[in-house]
């Protein structure tokens, strides 16, 4: 099931989530959801695939409403692709396939963040701003839902409608990864 909310595409169907599990697809999605409009050839260069293989991946993503075709290019030879929203959210239903697909997506996202971190030049003045925080919290279900909503609100506050194609001078592309994962079965109260 695909649900569009405000400026988000929310995926809950395990089959749609599985469509994201390929690293090349995630690389393409990352760029499209950052406001870029790209042709299959552009996406192929990003993902290290052939344009025909990339077209296959784009059509698979289109099937689930994750990407959409944009208006035809000026020369009319190749039609560009874009994101239908400003953000993509995965809210997997409790199933083995949904969980496995979500885990694959998380692994690829973490690997990409690690690549981006290693690509920073040693003298980059922004390097000190890189951070990762891992916490374990004891929350009620209501608190966990509120926590998730507040994290999303903080990201949206700083997004400010900026994209790869439209952002003020002095800004820089900054990657974020947020995950809220309940651990194990609920313990006995203590």
N, C-alpha and C. Protein backbone atom coordinates (compact mmCIF):
# COMPACT_ATOMS: atom_id res chain seq x y z
N UNK A 1 0.85 -1.19 0.00
CA UNK A 1 0.00 0.00 0.00
C UNK A 1 0.88 1.23 0.00
N UNK A 2 0.57 2.22 -0.81
CA UNK A 2 1.31 3.46 -0.91
C UNK A 2 0.40 4.59 -0.44
N UNK A 3 0.89 5.37 0.50
CA UNK A 3 0.11 6.47 1.04
C UNK A 3 0.92 7.74 0.89
N UNK A 4 0.39 8.73 0.20
CA UNK A 4 1.08 10.01 0.07
C UNK A 4 0.53 10.96 1.13
N UNK A 5 1.42 11.53 1.95
CA UNK A 5 1.01 12.45 2.99
C UNK A 5 1.84 13.72 2.83
N UNK A 6 1.15 14.82 2.73
CA UNK A 6 1.81 16.12 2.62
C UNK A 6 2.93 16.04 1.59
N UNK A 7 4.15 16.15 2.06
CA UNK A 7 5.29 16.13 1.15
C UNK A 7 6.07 14.83 1.27
N UNK A 8 5.39 13.76 1.76
CA UNK A 8 6.09 12.49 1.95
C UNK A 8 5.40 11.37 1.18
N UNK A 9 6.20 10.43 0.73
CA UNK A 9 5.68 9.17 0.25
C UNK A 9 5.97 8.19 1.37
N UNK A 10 4.94 7.54 1.86
CA UNK A 10 5.09 6.59 2.97
C UNK A 10 4.82 5.18 2.43
N UNK A 11 5.82 4.31 2.55
CA UNK A 11 5.68 2.94 2.09
C UNK A 11 5.40 2.03 3.27
N UNK A 12 4.35 1.23 3.15
CA UNK A 12 4.04 0.25 4.19
C UNK A 12 3.99 -1.16 3.63
N UNK A 13 3.78 -1.30 2.33
CA UNK A 13 3.69 -2.62 1.71
C UNK A 13 5.08 -3.24 1.60
N UNK A 14 5.28 -4.44 2.15
CA UNK A 14 6.59 -5.09 2.08
C UNK A 14 7.12 -5.23 0.65
N UNK A 15 6.21 -5.40 -0.33
CA UNK A 15 6.66 -5.51 -1.72
C UNK A 15 7.23 -4.19 -2.21
N UNK A 16 6.63 -3.08 -1.83
CA UNK A 16 7.16 -1.76 -2.22
C UNK A 16 8.50 -1.52 -1.52
N UNK A 17 8.58 -1.94 -0.27
CA UNK A 17 9.83 -1.77 0.47
C UNK A 17 10.93 -2.62 -0.15
N UNK A 18 10.60 -3.84 -0.57
CA UNK A 18 11.58 -4.70 -1.24
C UNK A 18 12.08 -4.06 -2.53
N UNK A 19 11.23 -3.27 -3.19
CA UNK A 19 11.64 -2.59 -4.41
C UNK A 19 12.79 -1.61 -4.14
N UNK A 20 12.94 -1.18 -2.90
CA UNK A 20 14.01 -0.25 -2.53
C UNK A 20 15.31 -0.95 -2.17
N UNK A 21 15.27 -2.25 -1.98
CA UNK A 21 16.39 -2.96 -1.38
C UNK A 21 17.66 -3.00 -2.23
N UNK A 22 17.60 -2.71 -3.48
CA UNK A 22 18.78 -2.74 -4.35
C UNK A 22 19.60 -1.47 -4.15
N UNK A 23 20.92 -1.60 -3.91
CA UNK A 23 21.75 -0.41 -3.66
C UNK A 23 21.71 0.63 -4.79
N UNK A 24 21.65 0.17 -6.03
CA UNK A 24 21.59 1.12 -7.15
C UNK A 24 20.30 1.93 -7.09
N UNK A 25 19.21 1.27 -6.75
CA UNK A 25 17.94 1.99 -6.65
C UNK A 25 18.00 3.02 -5.53
N UNK A 26 18.62 2.67 -4.43
CA UNK A 26 18.71 3.62 -3.32
C UNK A 26 19.56 4.83 -3.69
N UNK A 27 20.61 4.61 -4.45
CA UNK A 27 21.47 5.73 -4.88
C UNK A 27 20.67 6.70 -5.76
N UNK A 28 19.89 6.12 -6.66
CA UNK A 28 19.06 6.93 -7.56
C UNK A 28 17.99 7.68 -6.76
N UNK A 29 17.32 6.98 -5.87
CA UNK A 29 16.27 7.58 -5.05
C UNK A 29 16.83 8.74 -4.23
N UNK A 30 18.02 8.54 -3.68
CA UNK A 30 18.66 9.58 -2.88
C UNK A 30 18.80 10.88 -3.68
N UNK A 31 19.23 10.76 -4.92
CA UNK A 31 19.40 11.96 -5.75
C UNK A 31 18.05 12.55 -6.17
N UNK A 32 17.10 11.70 -6.54
CA UNK A 32 15.80 12.22 -6.97
C UNK A 32 15.07 12.90 -5.82
N UNK A 33 15.16 12.33 -4.61
CA UNK A 33 14.49 12.93 -3.46
C UNK A 33 15.25 14.14 -2.93
N UNK A 34 16.41 14.41 -3.50
CA UNK A 34 17.14 15.63 -3.16
C UNK A 34 16.81 16.72 -4.18
N UNK A 35 15.78 16.49 -4.98
CA UNK A 35 15.29 17.52 -5.88
C UNK A 35 15.83 17.48 -7.29
N UNK A 36 16.67 16.51 -7.59
CA UNK A 36 17.20 16.43 -8.95
C UNK A 36 16.19 15.76 -9.87
N UNK A 37 16.22 16.14 -11.12
CA UNK A 37 15.44 15.51 -12.18
C UNK A 37 16.49 14.91 -13.12
N UNK A 38 16.44 13.58 -13.27
CA UNK A 38 17.50 12.88 -14.00
C UNK A 38 16.93 11.94 -15.06
N UNK A 39 17.68 11.78 -16.13
CA UNK A 39 17.32 10.80 -17.15
C UNK A 39 17.84 9.44 -16.71
N UNK A 40 17.41 8.39 -17.40
CA UNK A 40 17.91 7.04 -17.11
C UNK A 40 19.42 7.00 -17.31
N UNK A 41 19.93 7.72 -18.28
CA UNK A 41 21.38 7.77 -18.52
C UNK A 41 22.10 8.43 -17.35
N UNK A 42 21.54 9.54 -16.85
CA UNK A 42 22.13 10.20 -15.67
C UNK A 42 22.14 9.25 -14.48
N UNK A 43 21.01 8.57 -14.27
CA UNK A 43 20.90 7.63 -13.15
C UNK A 43 21.88 6.47 -13.31
N UNK A 44 22.07 6.03 -14.53
CA UNK A 44 23.01 4.92 -14.79
C UNK A 44 24.42 5.31 -14.39
N UNK A 45 24.81 6.54 -14.68
CA UNK A 45 26.15 7.02 -14.29
C UNK A 45 26.29 7.04 -12.77
N UNK A 46 25.26 7.48 -12.07
CA UNK A 46 25.29 7.50 -10.60
C UNK A 46 25.41 6.11 -10.01
N UNK A 47 24.65 5.16 -10.59
CA UNK A 47 24.54 3.83 -10.02
C UNK A 47 25.56 2.84 -10.56
N UNK A 48 26.30 3.24 -11.60
CA UNK A 48 27.28 2.33 -12.17
C UNK A 48 26.64 1.19 -12.95
N UNK A 49 25.51 1.47 -13.60
CA UNK A 49 24.79 0.47 -14.39
C UNK A 49 24.64 0.95 -15.82
N UNK A 50 24.16 0.08 -16.69
CA UNK A 50 23.85 0.49 -18.05
C UNK A 50 22.54 1.26 -18.04
N UNK A 51 22.33 2.13 -19.04
CA UNK A 51 21.04 2.83 -19.11
C UNK A 51 19.85 1.89 -19.21
N UNK A 52 19.99 0.76 -19.92
CA UNK A 52 18.84 -0.15 -20.04
C UNK A 52 18.54 -0.83 -18.69
N UNK A 53 19.58 -1.22 -17.95
CA UNK A 53 19.37 -1.81 -16.61
C UNK A 53 18.75 -0.77 -15.69
N UNK A 54 19.20 0.47 -15.81
CA UNK A 54 18.67 1.54 -14.96
C UNK A 54 17.22 1.82 -15.30
N UNK A 55 16.87 1.77 -16.57
CA UNK A 55 15.47 1.96 -16.97
C UNK A 55 14.57 0.91 -16.33
N UNK A 56 15.06 -0.33 -16.28
CA UNK A 56 14.32 -1.40 -15.62
C UNK A 56 14.07 -1.05 -14.14
N UNK A 57 15.13 -0.60 -13.44
CA UNK A 57 15.01 -0.24 -12.03
C UNK A 57 14.04 0.94 -11.85
N UNK A 58 14.12 1.93 -12.71
CA UNK A 58 13.23 3.09 -12.61
C UNK A 58 11.77 2.68 -12.81
N UNK A 59 11.51 1.80 -13.77
CA UNK A 59 10.13 1.34 -13.98
C UNK A 59 9.61 0.56 -12.77
N UNK A 60 10.50 -0.24 -12.15
CA UNK A 60 10.10 -0.98 -10.95
C UNK A 60 9.75 -0.02 -9.82
N UNK A 61 10.52 1.04 -9.66
CA UNK A 61 10.23 2.05 -8.63
C UNK A 61 8.96 2.83 -8.96
N UNK A 62 8.74 3.08 -10.25
CA UNK A 62 7.55 3.80 -10.68
C UNK A 62 6.29 2.98 -10.35
N UNK A 63 6.37 1.67 -10.49
CA UNK A 63 5.24 0.79 -10.22
C UNK A 63 4.68 1.02 -8.82
N UNK A 64 5.55 1.33 -7.85
CA UNK A 64 5.13 1.52 -6.46
C UNK A 64 4.96 3.00 -6.09
N UNK A 65 5.06 3.90 -7.09
CA UNK A 65 4.86 5.32 -6.82
C UNK A 65 6.04 5.97 -6.12
N UNK A 66 7.21 5.32 -6.17
CA UNK A 66 8.39 5.84 -5.49
C UNK A 66 9.06 6.92 -6.34
N UNK A 67 9.02 6.77 -7.65
CA UNK A 67 9.50 7.79 -8.59
C UNK A 67 8.44 7.96 -9.66
N UNK A 68 8.55 9.04 -10.43
CA UNK A 68 7.61 9.27 -11.52
C UNK A 68 8.34 9.94 -12.68
N UNK A 69 7.74 9.80 -13.84
CA UNK A 69 8.32 10.44 -15.02
C UNK A 69 8.04 11.93 -14.98
N UNK A 70 9.03 12.70 -15.39
CA UNK A 70 8.89 14.14 -15.45
C UNK A 70 8.48 14.52 -16.87
N UNK A 71 8.36 15.79 -17.13
CA UNK A 71 8.05 16.25 -18.48
C UNK A 71 9.18 15.85 -19.41
N UNK A 72 8.88 15.71 -20.68
CA UNK A 72 9.89 15.32 -21.67
C UNK A 72 11.02 16.35 -21.70
N UNK A 73 12.23 15.87 -22.00
CA UNK A 73 13.38 16.77 -22.09
C UNK A 73 13.25 17.66 -23.31
N UNK A 74 14.07 18.70 -23.38
CA UNK A 74 14.00 19.68 -24.46
C UNK A 74 14.19 19.03 -25.83
N UNK A 75 15.10 18.04 -25.90
CA UNK A 75 15.33 17.41 -27.21
C UNK A 75 14.38 16.25 -27.47
N UNK A 76 13.59 15.87 -26.48
CA UNK A 76 12.58 14.85 -26.63
C UNK A 76 13.08 13.42 -26.74
N UNK A 77 14.39 13.20 -26.69
CA UNK A 77 14.91 11.84 -26.86
C UNK A 77 14.76 11.00 -25.61
N UNK A 78 15.00 11.58 -24.46
CA UNK A 78 14.94 10.79 -23.23
C UNK A 78 14.11 11.53 -22.19
N UNK A 79 13.20 10.84 -21.59
CA UNK A 79 12.30 11.44 -20.61
C UNK A 79 12.92 11.37 -19.23
N UNK A 80 13.00 12.48 -18.52
CA UNK A 80 13.60 12.48 -17.18
C UNK A 80 12.65 11.92 -16.11
N UNK A 81 13.24 11.62 -14.97
CA UNK A 81 12.52 11.07 -13.81
C UNK A 81 12.69 12.02 -12.64
N UNK A 82 11.71 11.97 -11.72
CA UNK A 82 11.76 12.82 -10.52
C UNK A 82 11.08 12.09 -9.36
N UNK A 83 11.24 12.64 -8.18
CA UNK A 83 10.55 12.13 -7.00
C UNK A 83 9.17 12.77 -6.94
N UNK A 84 8.15 12.03 -6.54
CA UNK A 84 6.81 12.61 -6.44
C UNK A 84 6.59 13.41 -5.15
N UNK A 85 7.59 13.40 -4.25
CA UNK A 85 7.47 14.10 -2.96
C UNK A 85 8.87 14.55 -2.54
N UNK A 86 8.94 15.25 -1.42
CA UNK A 86 10.25 15.70 -0.94
C UNK A 86 10.94 14.69 -0.04
N UNK A 87 10.18 13.73 0.50
CA UNK A 87 10.81 12.70 1.33
C UNK A 87 10.10 11.37 1.19
N UNK A 88 10.85 10.33 1.49
CA UNK A 88 10.37 8.97 1.40
C UNK A 88 10.50 8.35 2.78
N UNK A 89 9.42 7.78 3.27
CA UNK A 89 9.42 7.18 4.60
C UNK A 89 9.04 5.71 4.50
N UNK A 90 9.76 4.88 5.21
CA UNK A 90 9.48 3.46 5.23
C UNK A 90 8.86 3.14 6.58
N UNK A 91 7.65 2.66 6.56
CA UNK A 91 6.94 2.28 7.78
C UNK A 91 6.48 0.85 7.59
N UNK A 92 7.41 -0.08 7.73
CA UNK A 92 7.10 -1.46 7.41
C UNK A 92 6.11 -2.06 8.39
N UNK A 93 5.20 -2.84 7.82
CA UNK A 93 4.26 -3.58 8.66
C UNK A 93 5.01 -4.75 9.27
N UNK A 94 4.57 -5.24 10.41
CA UNK A 94 5.30 -6.33 11.05
C UNK A 94 5.18 -7.63 10.25
N UNK A 95 6.17 -7.86 9.41
CA UNK A 95 6.25 -9.10 8.64
C UNK A 95 7.71 -9.39 8.41
N UNK A 96 8.02 -10.63 8.17
CA UNK A 96 9.41 -11.01 7.94
C UNK A 96 9.95 -10.32 6.70
N UNK A 97 9.18 -10.31 5.60
CA UNK A 97 9.68 -9.71 4.37
C UNK A 97 9.86 -8.19 4.51
N UNK A 98 8.93 -7.53 5.19
CA UNK A 98 9.06 -6.09 5.41
C UNK A 98 10.28 -5.77 6.25
N UNK A 99 10.51 -6.57 7.28
CA UNK A 99 11.66 -6.36 8.14
C UNK A 99 12.97 -6.57 7.40
N UNK A 100 13.05 -7.65 6.61
CA UNK A 100 14.27 -7.95 5.86
C UNK A 100 14.57 -6.85 4.84
N UNK A 101 13.54 -6.37 4.16
CA UNK A 101 13.73 -5.30 3.20
C UNK A 101 14.19 -4.02 3.90
N UNK A 102 13.58 -3.70 5.04
CA UNK A 102 13.99 -2.52 5.80
C UNK A 102 15.44 -2.63 6.25
N UNK A 103 15.84 -3.82 6.69
CA UNK A 103 17.23 -4.02 7.11
C UNK A 103 18.20 -3.82 5.96
N UNK A 104 17.85 -4.33 4.78
CA UNK A 104 18.71 -4.15 3.61
C UNK A 104 18.86 -2.68 3.26
N UNK A 105 17.77 -1.95 3.36
CA UNK A 105 17.80 -0.52 3.06
C UNK A 105 18.66 0.22 4.08
N UNK A 106 18.51 -0.15 5.35
CA UNK A 106 19.32 0.49 6.39
C UNK A 106 20.81 0.23 6.18
N UNK A 107 21.16 -1.02 5.84
CA UNK A 107 22.57 -1.35 5.60
C UNK A 107 23.15 -0.50 4.48
N UNK A 108 22.41 -0.40 3.39
CA UNK A 108 22.88 0.39 2.25
C UNK A 108 23.01 1.86 2.63
N UNK A 109 22.05 2.38 3.39
CA UNK A 109 22.10 3.79 3.80
C UNK A 109 23.30 4.05 4.70
N UNK A 110 23.55 3.15 5.64
CA UNK A 110 24.70 3.31 6.54
C UNK A 110 25.99 3.22 5.74
N UNK A 111 26.08 2.27 4.82
CA UNK A 111 27.28 2.14 3.98
C UNK A 111 27.52 3.42 3.18
N UNK A 112 26.46 4.00 2.63
CA UNK A 112 26.60 5.24 1.85
C UNK A 112 27.06 6.39 2.74
N UNK A 113 26.53 6.49 3.96
CA UNK A 113 26.99 7.53 4.88
C UNK A 113 28.47 7.35 5.20
N UNK A 114 28.90 6.11 5.40
CA UNK A 114 30.31 5.85 5.67
C UNK A 114 31.18 6.25 4.48
N UNK A 115 30.71 5.98 3.26
CA UNK A 115 31.44 6.41 2.07
C UNK A 115 31.56 7.93 2.03
N UNK A 116 30.44 8.60 2.29
CA UNK A 116 30.46 10.06 2.27
C UNK A 116 31.42 10.61 3.31
N UNK A 117 31.45 10.00 4.47
CA UNK A 117 32.36 10.45 5.53
C UNK A 117 33.80 10.25 5.09
N UNK A 118 34.11 9.11 4.47
CA UNK A 118 35.49 8.84 4.05
C UNK A 118 35.91 9.73 2.88
N UNK A 119 34.95 10.27 2.13
CA UNK A 119 35.26 11.15 1.00
C UNK A 119 35.58 12.58 1.43
N UNK A 120 35.32 12.93 2.69
CA UNK A 120 35.64 14.27 3.17
C UNK A 120 37.15 14.48 3.16
N UNK A 121 37.62 15.57 2.59
CA UNK A 121 39.05 15.85 2.65
C UNK A 121 39.49 16.06 4.11
N UNK A 122 40.71 15.68 4.45
CA UNK A 122 41.16 15.80 5.85
C UNK A 122 41.13 17.23 6.39
N UNK A 123 41.18 18.20 5.50
CA UNK A 123 41.20 19.60 5.95
C UNK A 123 39.83 20.28 5.82
N UNK A 124 38.79 19.49 5.62
CA UNK A 124 37.45 20.05 5.46
C UNK A 124 37.01 20.71 6.75
N UNK A 125 36.69 22.00 6.69
CA UNK A 125 36.29 22.73 7.90
C UNK A 125 34.95 22.27 8.46
N UNK A 126 34.17 21.56 7.68
CA UNK A 126 32.88 21.05 8.14
C UNK A 126 33.00 19.69 8.81
N UNK A 127 34.15 19.04 8.74
CA UNK A 127 34.28 17.68 9.26
C UNK A 127 33.92 17.59 10.74
N UNK A 128 34.21 18.61 11.50
CA UNK A 128 33.89 18.61 12.93
C UNK A 128 32.39 18.56 13.21
N UNK A 129 31.59 18.86 12.20
CA UNK A 129 30.13 18.81 12.37
C UNK A 129 29.56 17.41 12.19
N UNK A 130 30.38 16.50 11.63
CA UNK A 130 29.90 15.12 11.44
C UNK A 130 29.69 14.49 12.81
N UNK A 131 28.57 13.82 12.95
CA UNK A 131 28.30 13.16 14.23
C UNK A 131 27.38 11.98 14.02
N UNK A 132 27.46 11.09 14.93
CA UNK A 132 26.55 9.95 14.97
C UNK A 132 26.24 9.72 16.43
N UNK A 133 25.01 9.51 16.71
CA UNK A 133 24.62 9.27 18.10
C UNK A 133 23.73 8.05 18.14
N UNK A 134 24.05 7.16 19.00
CA UNK A 134 23.23 5.97 19.20
C UNK A 134 22.77 5.97 20.64
N UNK A 135 21.49 5.82 20.83
CA UNK A 135 20.92 5.85 22.18
C UNK A 135 19.95 4.69 22.34
N UNK A 136 19.79 4.28 23.57
CA UNK A 136 18.74 3.31 23.91
C UNK A 136 17.83 3.99 24.90
N UNK A 137 16.58 4.09 24.54
CA UNK A 137 15.60 4.78 25.36
C UNK A 137 14.53 3.79 25.80
N UNK A 138 13.99 4.01 26.97
CA UNK A 138 12.85 3.21 27.46
C UNK A 138 11.62 4.09 27.29
N UNK A 139 10.83 3.78 26.26
CA UNK A 139 9.68 4.61 25.91
C UNK A 139 8.41 3.78 25.85
N UNK A 140 7.31 4.43 26.16
CA UNK A 140 6.01 3.80 25.90
C UNK A 140 5.78 3.87 24.39
N UNK A 141 4.80 3.15 23.91
CA UNK A 141 4.49 3.19 22.48
C UNK A 141 4.12 4.61 22.08
N UNK A 142 3.35 5.28 22.90
CA UNK A 142 2.94 6.66 22.62
C UNK A 142 4.17 7.58 22.56
N UNK A 143 5.10 7.42 23.50
CA UNK A 143 6.32 8.24 23.51
C UNK A 143 7.17 7.95 22.27
N UNK A 144 7.27 6.69 21.87
CA UNK A 144 8.06 6.33 20.69
C UNK A 144 7.46 6.96 19.43
N UNK A 145 6.13 6.95 19.34
CA UNK A 145 5.47 7.58 18.20
C UNK A 145 5.73 9.09 18.19
N UNK A 146 5.65 9.71 19.36
CA UNK A 146 5.90 11.15 19.45
C UNK A 146 7.34 11.46 19.12
N UNK A 147 8.27 10.65 19.62
CA UNK A 147 9.70 10.82 19.35
C UNK A 147 9.95 10.78 17.83
N UNK A 148 9.38 9.80 17.17
CA UNK A 148 9.52 9.65 15.72
C UNK A 148 8.98 10.88 14.99
N UNK A 149 7.80 11.35 15.40
CA UNK A 149 7.20 12.53 14.78
C UNK A 149 8.05 13.78 14.99
N UNK A 150 8.62 13.91 16.18
CA UNK A 150 9.45 15.08 16.48
C UNK A 150 10.75 15.07 15.67
N UNK A 151 11.35 13.88 15.51
CA UNK A 151 12.57 13.78 14.68
C UNK A 151 12.26 14.18 13.24
N UNK A 152 11.14 13.71 12.74
CA UNK A 152 10.73 14.06 11.38
C UNK A 152 10.50 15.56 11.27
N UNK A 153 9.89 16.15 12.26
CA UNK A 153 9.62 17.60 12.26
C UNK A 153 10.93 18.41 12.25
N UNK A 154 11.93 17.94 12.97
CA UNK A 154 13.22 18.65 12.98
C UNK A 154 13.85 18.62 11.59
N UNK A 155 13.81 17.47 10.94
CA UNK A 155 14.37 17.38 9.58
C UNK A 155 13.60 18.33 8.66
N UNK A 156 12.29 18.32 8.72
CA UNK A 156 11.48 19.18 7.86
C UNK A 156 11.75 20.67 8.14
N UNK A 157 11.99 21.01 9.40
CA UNK A 157 12.29 22.40 9.78
C UNK A 157 13.53 22.89 9.04
N UNK A 158 14.53 22.03 8.94
CA UNK A 158 15.79 22.44 8.31
C UNK A 158 15.80 22.21 6.80
N UNK A 159 14.89 21.40 6.29
CA UNK A 159 14.83 21.17 4.84
C UNK A 159 14.53 22.49 4.12
N UNK A 160 13.58 23.25 4.61
CA UNK A 160 13.21 24.57 4.11
C UNK A 160 12.94 24.60 2.60
N UNK A 161 12.55 23.47 2.03
CA UNK A 161 12.26 23.44 0.60
C UNK A 161 13.50 23.47 -0.28
N UNK A 162 14.65 23.37 0.31
CA UNK A 162 15.90 23.42 -0.46
C UNK A 162 16.15 22.08 -1.14
N UNK A 163 16.70 22.14 -2.34
CA UNK A 163 17.02 20.94 -3.10
C UNK A 163 18.38 21.10 -3.75
N UNK A 164 18.83 20.05 -4.44
CA UNK A 164 20.09 20.12 -5.19
C UNK A 164 20.02 21.21 -6.26
N UNK A 165 18.83 21.43 -6.79
CA UNK A 165 18.66 22.43 -7.85
C UNK A 165 18.35 23.83 -7.32
N UNK A 166 17.96 23.94 -6.05
CA UNK A 166 17.53 25.23 -5.52
C UNK A 166 17.93 25.35 -4.05
N UNK A 167 19.04 26.04 -3.81
CA UNK A 167 19.51 26.26 -2.44
C UNK A 167 20.37 27.52 -2.40
N UNK A 168 20.41 28.21 -1.27
CA UNK A 168 21.18 29.44 -1.17
C UNK A 168 22.70 29.19 -1.20
N UNK A 169 23.42 30.20 -1.60
CA UNK A 169 24.88 30.14 -1.56
C UNK A 169 25.32 29.91 -0.11
N UNK A 170 26.38 29.17 0.07
CA UNK A 170 26.90 28.92 1.41
C UNK A 170 26.32 27.68 2.07
N UNK A 171 25.28 27.10 1.44
CA UNK A 171 24.73 25.86 1.98
C UNK A 171 25.51 24.68 1.41
N UNK A 172 25.36 23.57 2.07
CA UNK A 172 26.06 22.36 1.66
C UNK A 172 25.14 21.16 1.87
N UNK A 173 25.25 20.18 1.02
CA UNK A 173 24.48 18.95 1.13
C UNK A 173 24.93 18.19 2.38
N UNK A 174 24.01 17.91 3.29
CA UNK A 174 24.31 17.21 4.53
C UNK A 174 23.40 15.99 4.62
N UNK A 175 23.98 14.80 4.76
CA UNK A 175 23.20 13.57 4.85
C UNK A 175 22.78 13.30 6.29
N UNK A 176 21.56 12.83 6.44
CA UNK A 176 21.07 12.41 7.75
C UNK A 176 20.45 11.03 7.61
N UNK A 177 20.44 10.29 8.68
CA UNK A 177 19.80 8.99 8.72
C UNK A 177 19.17 8.85 10.10
N UNK A 178 17.87 8.69 10.12
CA UNK A 178 17.15 8.54 11.38
C UNK A 178 16.47 7.17 11.38
N UNK A 179 16.59 6.47 12.47
CA UNK A 179 15.92 5.18 12.60
C UNK A 179 15.43 5.04 14.04
N UNK A 180 14.23 4.58 14.19
CA UNK A 180 13.67 4.27 15.50
C UNK A 180 13.27 2.79 15.43
N UNK A 181 13.93 1.97 16.22
CA UNK A 181 13.72 0.52 16.16
C UNK A 181 13.45 -0.04 17.54
N UNK A 182 12.25 -0.56 17.80
CA UNK A 182 11.98 -1.20 19.08
C UNK A 182 12.82 -2.49 19.18
N UNK A 183 13.33 -2.78 20.36
CA UNK A 183 14.19 -3.95 20.55
C UNK A 183 13.42 -5.10 21.20
N UNK A 184 13.55 -6.28 20.63
CA UNK A 184 13.00 -7.49 21.22
C UNK A 184 11.54 -7.37 21.64
N UNK A 185 11.11 -8.36 22.39
CA UNK A 185 9.74 -8.32 22.88
C UNK A 185 9.69 -7.45 24.14
N UNK A 186 8.53 -6.90 24.45
CA UNK A 186 8.42 -6.03 25.62
C UNK A 186 8.84 -6.77 26.88
N UNK A 187 9.75 -6.15 27.67
CA UNK A 187 10.17 -6.80 28.92
C UNK A 187 9.12 -6.62 30.01
N UNK A 188 9.26 -7.42 31.04
CA UNK A 188 8.39 -7.26 32.20
C UNK A 188 8.73 -5.93 32.86
N UNK A 189 7.75 -5.25 33.39
CA UNK A 189 7.99 -3.97 34.05
C UNK A 189 8.92 -4.18 35.24
N UNK A 190 9.80 -3.21 35.43
CA UNK A 190 10.73 -3.38 36.53
C UNK A 190 11.03 -2.16 37.21
